[in-house]
Amino acid sequence: MYHSIEHARFREAARWHFRLARLFCTGTDVFGTLISSFACDSSPEMQNGLRSLYIVSSKRGLYDFIIPTLFSAGKSELARRWRRTLVLFNDFPTTAESLPFLKFIFSFYPTIELTKEELSVASFVSHNSRHGEDETVEPPANPQDDASKGQFSDSVVAKWLASSWASVEFAINFVHRLGLRKLGPRSLQSLALREKDARAVANRLAHIERLGIGVGETTYCRVLVFFAKHSKDHLLASLLDCDVHPDEFDDVKLRHRLRSASIEAEDIERARLWEGVEQALMQLDSSRKVHALQKLDLPLLSMSEVGRILDQIEAAKLSVTQRQATNLLSRVIDGISQHPSEWYVLLETSGKSARSHLDNAIAVIRRIALHDVAIPINYWKLLLLNLGRLGFFDELEHMCLELVQRYSPASKTMVLVHYEDWPRPPAARMAAEEAKQPEPIPTELDETGHCNLKVSNARETGLNRESGHKDGFENSSVPAEARPRTAWYRASEKNHLPTDFPFTHRDHPLQKLFDPRLQQSIVRWGFDQTLRIPPKSPALLRMNSAGISRFDMACGVRLLALLRDQGVLIDSQIVLSTVLKRIGVSKVPGRMIHRARDGNELNLRLMKRLVDEAWGSELLPNPIKLRDEIDRLKPETEERYCVTIAKHFERI
């Protein structure tokens, strides 16, 4: 099967599928894994072949295999196409694996109507998540009352979690229903042994954390969690196979003796484990010191102290958490406003280097962005506004292109988006959604004791006909019952956006960053800031031909053209109207123009050639029409700058 699909022999693959399916009775997971392994190939031949193979096959229940694979690979467009096919054949999600995709569809494509089954899965997951978030953990006041406070025998819980007759999900939900609030070392060991690798263990830990179940503070628990979260597969496997009792890991002297004994016995595997345990504990201790340092009064920290915090985090080989990033970012931009006149001059007069302060802020934010955290777009816009208004066009160009690269498919498959930049549905629509919510999925035990989410067949129950939706396809008038509840919508502090999502979408973070107002500002900065400095010599311009500065007054136009070529939606009419206004303003008597610039530089014929070259194609009309347009705007310009004109003639 794999060989046939790999070589695009889909008819042969279908024949082998029907022949092998009767003999081996392959399950949905095998067929789903097979389809998912090729689904990311976007070639029409492969996509048509896979769809044909899926249609002729009797296997369903592939939603949670295909959709999460495509979405995590940054193929949201393919995921949407496959969703239409899956929904058409009554193939719906049954687990939380598809929730990120459903959340993305709900947020960025509100006209696409979700099916009742998709909403039911989302409601079930949301209910469990909120249940875990709303509960608090209190230490037991009486040791005899441990069960009522969420404390149970670690050995009993470990045996239950290790039992092979119950699925992991059922076992966890069962102890959660009993009120368990913390896993001991043996329970955690039993749970980790049922996962295939470190990443799966980390995902399971995140799951129980959402349910409100914590992990003990013993050395064994801390090391196991560290290995899982840092994808230390080899060390985690050695730790789980280790015959030393988990409680013995708390004895420092015993750990050292065991490590020495392993080295003497030339047991490389065991010696490597004990070395990894000690290194993990050292990094965890460093992390605690970093957290303690961050609890200092942030307003009292200087920029260098913020950099020192980052140095310690990176030296400990740790990642900045989203909460830490939020605290550090708030300190970095403290004192920096959108208008440099409000803070730049104040720092210069107080004897501090304002340029150095801005450069340090940019460097620190860039360092924070290297970690797995989401940076709000407003922080980047604040830096762009200051760079442009201060005339630092080379730095402005570099940062703009750097931000575009962050969201480019060439860099990664998914990009983090802060919840402030995640689209919000209208309040009226959310109120309507709260009025009628889908019922959560009931849970039942199957014959093997596994806990399954039961999704009824839409064609059998007639839900599609009763709700009025069209099998989950796009509908401009989405009823309230076909949208998720508000609690599911509530975005986490950071969310993942596939990089194939087009920049031109109105809710794309880049579209919010480079909005029409910023586009006008970039063109205006190019004219106003450049006219205040002497023109560069032709020889110097040739040396710096790679940057936007060689376009002189049209450097802002050139920057927008570069962004346009990268896929950012740039409105040519906004650029044209702003250029016409700035040409008119440059001719206003009294406007600040460097004495080294003569009137020839404002010649309309030269201006047209410069702007058109910067834009990459013809933007301005011919000089005659250009003169007419500027004359048409002249009364408005003179009225706006009447004070400047009056002061100019008073000096004369």
Foldseek 3Di string as FASTA:
>chain_A
DLVCLVVLNLVVVLVVCVVVCVVPVDALVVVLQSLQVQLLPPDPSSPVSSLVSVVPDPRAQNLLRNLLSCVQQLNLVSSVVVLLSNLVVLHAHFECSNLQSVLVCVQQPVLFFFALRNQQRLVQVLVQLVQQVPDDQDDDPDPVCQQVRQDDDQVVLLVLCLDPLEDNVVSLVVSLVSRHQEHELSNLLSNVVVDDFLQRSQVVQVVVNSNNHYYDPALNRQLLNLCSVVRVGLLNVLSSPDPDDSNCVNDPVVLVVQLVVCVVVVVVSSNVNSVSSVLSVVLVVLVVVLVVLLPPDLLPDDLVVLVVSLVSCVVSVHFQDQVNLVSSLVSLCVQQALDCVRRCVVQVVVVHHSVVSLVSSVVSNVSNQVGPYADALVSVLSSLSVCLLVVVQQVNLVSLVVVLVQLAVVVGFKHKHFPVLRGDDDPVLLVQLQVAERHHFDWDQDPSRYTTGDDDRCVVVVSCVVLVHDSRGRHNDHHSHSRHHPSSNPDDRMGIRTSVPALARCSPSNCVSCDLVVLLSLLLSLQQVLQQDAQDDPVVCVVVVVALCNLRSLSSLLSVLVVVVSRHDDDLVSNLVSLLLSLLLVPQQQRRGDPNDDPVCSQQQNVQVSNCVSNVHRRDDPSVVSVVSSVVCNVVSCVVCVVSNVVRVVVD
